[in-house]
């Protein structure tokens, strides 16, 4: 899966679960903070991580759940694509 396809998958999930088609418009750039920008709250982060685990057959170490890894689209894409268990489908 290309980084564009991974990005599109995350945007689609955000649209389906939180922003009803407006996620791409709300996210001004891939490094915009999801917490500071109101894209996701803490529960949303957990739900997104559960989705990523299921969708890409990977296990996210709970110690990795931090703003450092999951607070922007770019951070999420880098974390997921570098994950040892990442299985793009």
C-alpha atoms as a PDB file:
ATOM      1  CA  UNK A   1       0.000   0.000   0.000  1.00  0.00           C
ATOM      2  CA  UNK A   2       1.392   3.348  -0.958  1.00  0.00           C
ATOM      3  CA  UNK A   3       1.627   6.218   1.483  1.00  0.00           C
ATOM      4  CA  UNK A   4      -1.176   7.899  -0.481  1.00  0.00           C
ATOM      5  CA  UNK A   5      -3.402   4.852  -0.022  1.00  0.00           C
ATOM      6  CA  UNK A   6      -2.562   4.717   3.700  1.00  0.00           C
ATOM      7  CA  UNK A   7      -3.340   8.430   3.992  1.00  0.00           C
ATOM      8  CA  UNK A   8      -6.640   7.945   2.154  1.00  0.00           C
ATOM      9  CA  UNK A   9      -7.578   5.041   4.456  1.00  0.00           C
ATOM     10  CA  UNK A  10      -7.033   7.185   7.561  1.00  0.00           C
ATOM     11  CA  UNK A  11      -8.932  10.145   6.074  1.00  0.00           C
ATOM     12  CA  UNK A  12     -11.803   7.830   5.117  1.00  0.00           C
ATOM     13  CA  UNK A  13     -11.968   6.472   8.677  1.00  0.00           C
ATOM     14  CA  UNK A  14     -12.002  10.017  10.076  1.00  0.00           C
ATOM     15  CA  UNK A  15     -14.793  10.938   7.655  1.00  0.00           C
ATOM     16  CA  UNK A  16     -16.863   7.866   8.489  1.00  0.00           C
ATOM     17  CA  UNK A  17     -16.459   8.162  12.254  1.00  0.00           C
ATOM     18  CA  UNK A  18     -15.967  11.830  13.139  1.00  0.00           C
ATOM     19  CA  UNK A  19     -16.062  14.419  10.388  1.00  0.00           C
ATOM     20  CA  UNK A  20     -18.669  13.252   7.877  1.00  0.00           C
ATOM     21  CA  UNK A  21     -16.682  14.029   4.750  1.00  0.00           C
ATOM     22  CA  UNK A  22     -14.832  17.088   6.048  1.00  0.00           C
ATOM     23  CA  UNK A  23     -11.617  15.504   7.385  1.00  0.00           C
ATOM     24  CA  UNK A  24      -9.462  16.379   4.367  1.00  0.00           C
ATOM     25  CA  UNK A  25     -10.626  20.002   4.592  1.00  0.00           C
ATOM     26  CA  UNK A  26     -10.094  20.220   8.355  1.00  0.00           C
ATOM     27  CA  UNK A  27      -6.568  18.787   8.192  1.00  0.00           C
ATOM     28  CA  UNK A  28      -4.582  21.736   6.843  1.00  0.00           C
ATOM     29  CA  UNK A  29      -1.376  19.718   6.413  1.00  0.00           C
ATOM     30  CA  UNK A  30      -0.111  16.271   7.355  1.00  0.00           C
ATOM     31  CA  UNK A  31       1.761  17.582  10.417  1.00  0.00           C
ATOM     32  CA  UNK A  32      -1.208  19.438  11.931  1.00  0.00           C
ATOM     33  CA  UNK A  33      -1.853  18.307  15.508  1.00  0.00           C
ATOM     34  CA  UNK A  34      -5.047  16.267  15.768  1.00  0.00           C
ATOM     35  CA  UNK A  35      -5.451  17.161  19.453  1.00  0.00           C
ATOM     36  CA  UNK A  36      -4.770  20.881  19.093  1.00  0.00           C
ATOM     37  CA  UNK A  37      -6.814  21.087  15.881  1.00  0.00           C
ATOM     38  CA  UNK A  38      -9.843  19.281  17.302  1.00  0.00           C
ATOM     39  CA  UNK A  39      -9.589  16.424  14.791  1.00  0.00           C
ATOM     40  CA  UNK A  40      -9.619  13.700  17.464  1.00  0.00           C
ATOM     41  CA  UNK A  41      -9.977  13.474  21.217  1.00  0.00           C
ATOM     42  CA  UNK A  42      -8.392  10.801  23.407  1.00  0.00           C
ATOM     43  CA  UNK A  43     -11.212   8.313  22.808  1.00  0.00           C
ATOM     44  CA  UNK A  44     -10.901   8.909  19.073  1.00  0.00           C
ATOM     45  CA  UNK A  45      -7.205   8.051  19.227  1.00  0.00           C
ATOM     46  CA  UNK A  46      -7.993   4.728  20.871  1.00  0.00           C
ATOM     47  CA  UNK A  47     -10.683   3.963  18.295  1.00  0.00           C
ATOM     48  CA  UNK A  48      -8.353   4.888  15.441  1.00  0.00           C
ATOM     49  CA  UNK A  49      -5.620   2.631  16.828  1.00  0.00           C
ATOM     50  CA  UNK A  50      -8.058  -0.265  17.137  1.00  0.00           C
ATOM     51  CA  UNK A  51      -9.106   0.308  13.519  1.00  0.00           C
ATOM     52  CA  UNK A  52      -5.473   0.380  12.332  1.00  0.00           C
ATOM     53  CA  UNK A  53      -4.694  -2.843  14.188  1.00  0.00           C
ATOM     54  CA  UNK A  54      -7.612  -4.633  12.603  1.00  0.00           C
ATOM     55  CA  UNK A  55      -7.288  -3.150   9.113  1.00  0.00           C
ATOM     56  CA  UNK A  56      -3.562  -3.774   8.781  1.00  0.00           C
ATOM     57  CA  UNK A  57      -3.188  -6.931  10.895  1.00  0.00           C
ATOM     58  CA  UNK A  58      -0.805  -5.344  13.327  1.00  0.00           C
ATOM     59  CA  UNK A  59      -0.506  -4.998  17.074  1.00  0.00           C
ATOM     60  CA  UNK A  60       0.180  -1.515  18.414  1.00  0.00           C
ATOM     61  CA  UNK A  61       2.107  -1.566  21.673  1.00  0.00           C
ATOM     62  CA  UNK A  62       0.114   0.460  24.182  1.00  0.00           C
ATOM     63  CA  UNK A  63       3.360   2.152  25.249  1.00  0.00           C
ATOM     64  CA  UNK A  64       3.494   3.626  21.726  1.00  0.00           C
ATOM     65  CA  UNK A  65       0.143   5.374  22.118  1.00  0.00           C
ATOM     66  CA  UNK A  66       1.370   8.918  22.492  1.00  0.00           C
ATOM     67  CA  UNK A  67       1.139  12.273  20.781  1.00  0.00           C
ATOM     68  CA  UNK A  68       4.644  11.602  19.547  1.00  0.00           C
ATOM     69  CA  UNK A  69       3.325   8.777  17.330  1.00  0.00           C
ATOM     70  CA  UNK A  70      -0.341   9.550  16.752  1.00  0.00           C
ATOM     71  CA  UNK A  71      -0.979  13.315  16.920  1.00  0.00           C
ATOM     72  CA  UNK A  72      -0.958  14.049  13.193  1.00  0.00           C
ATOM     73  CA  UNK A  73      -1.648  12.325   9.929  1.00  0.00           C
ATOM     74  CA  UNK A  74       2.054  12.316   9.091  1.00  0.00           C
ATOM     75  CA  UNK A  75       3.034  10.812  12.453  1.00  0.00           C
ATOM     76  CA  UNK A  76       0.410   8.080  12.117  1.00  0.00           C
ATOM     77  CA  UNK A  77       1.492   7.255   8.575  1.00  0.00           C
ATOM     78  CA  UNK A  78       5.161   7.060   9.594  1.00  0.00           C
ATOM     79  CA  UNK A  79       4.385   4.921  12.641  1.00  0.00           C
ATOM     80  CA  UNK A  80       2.131   2.499  10.767  1.00  0.00           C
ATOM     81  CA  UNK A  81       4.333   2.123   7.682  1.00  0.00           C
ATOM     82  CA  UNK A  82       7.428   1.464   9.856  1.00  0.00           C
ATOM     83  CA  UNK A  83       5.650  -1.010  12.160  1.00  0.00           C
ATOM     84  CA  UNK A  84       7.177  -4.489  12.043  1.00  0.00           C
ATOM     85  CA  UNK A  85       3.761  -6.168  11.756  1.00  0.00           C
ATOM     86  CA  UNK A  86       2.260  -3.769   9.206  1.00  0.00           C
ATOM     87  CA  UNK A  87       0.506  -5.769   6.524  1.00  0.00           C
ATOM     88  CA  UNK A  88      -0.927  -3.470   3.882  1.00  0.00           C
ATOM     89  CA  UNK A  89      -4.030  -4.927   2.316  1.00  0.00           C
END
